[in-house]
């Protein structure tokens, strides 16, 4: 249960960091591959997981043989949980 709350919290932090950076540095939207805000959000999620050294996958028993797979997988899990929680909140907001 705490792992899910941690994933939602990290996703919220990643969303706020992405919003702040893209609002203050508009040149980042012109990068060809990462011009989409969702791509920056995924990159921020992976970066935050790496900086905080958390492993969402290991908490659920999904072990990885190498560290980078765990970091990228946990970052994608954080991004997915954040998008899911955002969709649920928007659905209740109707």
C-alpha atoms as a PDB file:
ATOM      1  CA  UNK A   1       0.000   0.000   0.000  1.00  0.00           C
ATOM      2  CA  UNK A   2       2.793   2.403   0.872  1.00  0.00           C
ATOM      3  CA  UNK A   3       4.542   1.564  -2.375  1.00  0.00           C
ATOM      4  CA  UNK A   4       1.512   2.640  -4.373  1.00  0.00           C
ATOM      5  CA  UNK A   5       1.337   5.897  -2.403  1.00  0.00           C
ATOM      6  CA  UNK A   6       5.049   6.442  -3.048  1.00  0.00           C
ATOM      7  CA  UNK A   7       4.535   5.887  -6.777  1.00  0.00           C
ATOM      8  CA  UNK A   8       1.672   8.404  -6.854  1.00  0.00           C
ATOM      9  CA  UNK A   9       3.742  10.936  -4.889  1.00  0.00           C
ATOM     10  CA  UNK A  10       6.760  10.530  -7.175  1.00  0.00           C
ATOM     11  CA  UNK A  11       4.474  10.885 -10.185  1.00  0.00           C
ATOM     12  CA  UNK A  12       3.042  14.088  -8.758  1.00  0.00           C
ATOM     13  CA  UNK A  13       6.543  15.456  -8.191  1.00  0.00           C
ATOM     14  CA  UNK A  14       7.564  14.489 -11.731  1.00  0.00           C
ATOM     15  CA  UNK A  15       4.492  16.230 -13.156  1.00  0.00           C
ATOM     16  CA  UNK A  16       5.219  19.405 -11.217  1.00  0.00           C
ATOM     17  CA  UNK A  17       8.902  19.404 -12.189  1.00  0.00           C
ATOM     18  CA  UNK A  18       7.982  18.841 -15.847  1.00  0.00           C
ATOM     19  CA  UNK A  19       5.423  21.643 -15.785  1.00  0.00           C
ATOM     20  CA  UNK A  20       7.839  24.048 -14.080  1.00  0.00           C
ATOM     21  CA  UNK A  21      10.744  23.319 -16.411  1.00  0.00           C
ATOM     22  CA  UNK A  22       8.688  23.479 -19.613  1.00  0.00           C
ATOM     23  CA  UNK A  23       7.049  26.742 -18.545  1.00  0.00           C
ATOM     24  CA  UNK A  24      10.401  28.383 -17.761  1.00  0.00           C
ATOM     25  CA  UNK A  25      12.468  26.925 -20.619  1.00  0.00           C
ATOM     26  CA  UNK A  26      10.249  27.005 -23.735  1.00  0.00           C
ATOM     27  CA  UNK A  27      13.171  26.009 -25.980  1.00  0.00           C
ATOM     28  CA  UNK A  28      12.844  22.429 -24.682  1.00  0.00           C
ATOM     29  CA  UNK A  29       9.565  22.021 -26.595  1.00  0.00           C
ATOM     30  CA  UNK A  30      11.489  22.424 -29.862  1.00  0.00           C
ATOM     31  CA  UNK A  31      13.717  19.372 -29.336  1.00  0.00           C
ATOM     32  CA  UNK A  32      12.674  17.008 -32.164  1.00  0.00           C
ATOM     33  CA  UNK A  33      12.389  13.731 -30.243  1.00  0.00           C
ATOM     34  CA  UNK A  34      11.400  15.060 -26.827  1.00  0.00           C
ATOM     35  CA  UNK A  35       9.178  17.911 -27.976  1.00  0.00           C
ATOM     36  CA  UNK A  36       6.077  16.237 -26.573  1.00  0.00           C
ATOM     37  CA  UNK A  37       5.249  17.037 -22.940  1.00  0.00           C
ATOM     38  CA  UNK A  38       4.497  13.371 -22.236  1.00  0.00           C
ATOM     39  CA  UNK A  39       8.023  12.385 -23.261  1.00  0.00           C
ATOM     40  CA  UNK A  40       9.481  14.958 -20.876  1.00  0.00           C
ATOM     41  CA  UNK A  41       7.197  13.615 -18.135  1.00  0.00           C
ATOM     42  CA  UNK A  42       8.451  10.057 -18.672  1.00  0.00           C
ATOM     43  CA  UNK A  43      12.059  11.297 -18.655  1.00  0.00           C
ATOM     44  CA  UNK A  44      11.411  13.236 -15.427  1.00  0.00           C
ATOM     45  CA  UNK A  45       9.819  10.158 -13.827  1.00  0.00           C
ATOM     46  CA  UNK A  46      12.838   8.013 -14.672  1.00  0.00           C
ATOM     47  CA  UNK A  47      15.191  10.738 -13.409  1.00  0.00           C
ATOM     48  CA  UNK A  48      13.327  11.109 -10.109  1.00  0.00           C
ATOM     49  CA  UNK A  49      13.327   7.348  -9.545  1.00  0.00           C
ATOM     50  CA  UNK A  50      17.058   7.289 -10.209  1.00  0.00           C
ATOM     51  CA  UNK A  51      17.757  10.281  -7.929  1.00  0.00           C
ATOM     52  CA  UNK A  52      15.708   8.923  -5.044  1.00  0.00           C
ATOM     53  CA  UNK A  53      17.048   5.385  -5.541  1.00  0.00           C
ATOM     54  CA  UNK A  54      13.625   3.826  -5.180  1.00  0.00           C
ATOM     55  CA  UNK A  55      12.540   0.568  -6.721  1.00  0.00           C
ATOM     56  CA  UNK A  56       8.829   0.273  -7.272  1.00  0.00           C
ATOM     57  CA  UNK A  57       9.258  -3.020  -9.128  1.00  0.00           C
ATOM     58  CA  UNK A  58      11.311  -4.662  -6.375  1.00  0.00           C
ATOM     59  CA  UNK A  59       8.655  -3.799  -3.803  1.00  0.00           C
ATOM     60  CA  UNK A  60       6.220  -5.973  -5.754  1.00  0.00           C
ATOM     61  CA  UNK A  61       8.729  -8.788  -6.166  1.00  0.00           C
ATOM     62  CA  UNK A  62       9.710  -8.081  -9.755  1.00  0.00           C
ATOM     63  CA  UNK A  63      13.473  -8.386  -9.611  1.00  0.00           C
ATOM     64  CA  UNK A  64      15.738  -7.076 -12.326  1.00  0.00           C
ATOM     65  CA  UNK A  65      19.170  -8.427 -13.167  1.00  0.00           C
ATOM     66  CA  UNK A  66      20.675  -5.043 -13.953  1.00  0.00           C
ATOM     67  CA  UNK A  67      20.159  -1.721 -12.245  1.00  0.00           C
ATOM     68  CA  UNK A  68      19.210   0.318 -15.303  1.00  0.00           C
ATOM     69  CA  UNK A  69      16.308  -2.009 -16.109  1.00  0.00           C
ATOM     70  CA  UNK A  70      14.974  -1.514 -12.599  1.00  0.00           C
ATOM     71  CA  UNK A  71      15.337   2.274 -12.810  1.00  0.00           C
ATOM     72  CA  UNK A  72      13.667   2.544 -16.216  1.00  0.00           C
ATOM     73  CA  UNK A  73      10.927   0.069 -15.298  1.00  0.00           C
ATOM     74  CA  UNK A  74      10.211   1.825 -12.019  1.00  0.00           C
ATOM     75  CA  UNK A  75      10.164   5.197 -13.791  1.00  0.00           C
ATOM     76  CA  UNK A  76       7.678   3.896 -16.335  1.00  0.00           C
ATOM     77  CA  UNK A  77       5.579   2.448 -13.504  1.00  0.00           C
ATOM     78  CA  UNK A  78       5.583   5.829 -11.751  1.00  0.00           C
ATOM     79  CA  UNK A  79       4.543   7.579 -14.962  1.00  0.00           C
ATOM     80  CA  UNK A  80       1.786   5.054 -15.542  1.00  0.00           C
ATOM     81  CA  UNK A  81       0.417   5.285 -12.005  1.00  0.00           C
ATOM     82  CA  UNK A  82       0.483   9.083 -12.198  1.00  0.00           C
ATOM     83  CA  UNK A  83      -1.451   9.072 -15.471  1.00  0.00           C
ATOM     84  CA  UNK A  84      -3.941   6.559 -14.071  1.00  0.00           C
ATOM     85  CA  UNK A  85      -4.526   8.564 -10.898  1.00  0.00           C
ATOM     86  CA  UNK A  86      -4.913  11.741 -12.962  1.00  0.00           C
ATOM     87  CA  UNK A  87      -7.528  10.039 -15.162  1.00  0.00           C
ATOM     88  CA  UNK A  88      -9.447   8.782 -12.123  1.00  0.00           C
ATOM     89  CA  UNK A  89      -9.449  12.220 -10.480  1.00  0.00           C
ATOM     90  CA  UNK A  90     -10.596  13.838 -13.740  1.00  0.00           C
ATOM     91  CA  UNK A  91     -13.366  11.247 -14.079  1.00  0.00           C
ATOM     92  CA  UNK A  92     -14.644  12.032 -10.579  1.00  0.00           C
ATOM     93  CA  UNK A  93     -14.383  15.759 -11.329  1.00  0.00           C
ATOM     94  CA  UNK A  94     -17.071  15.556 -14.034  1.00  0.00           C
END
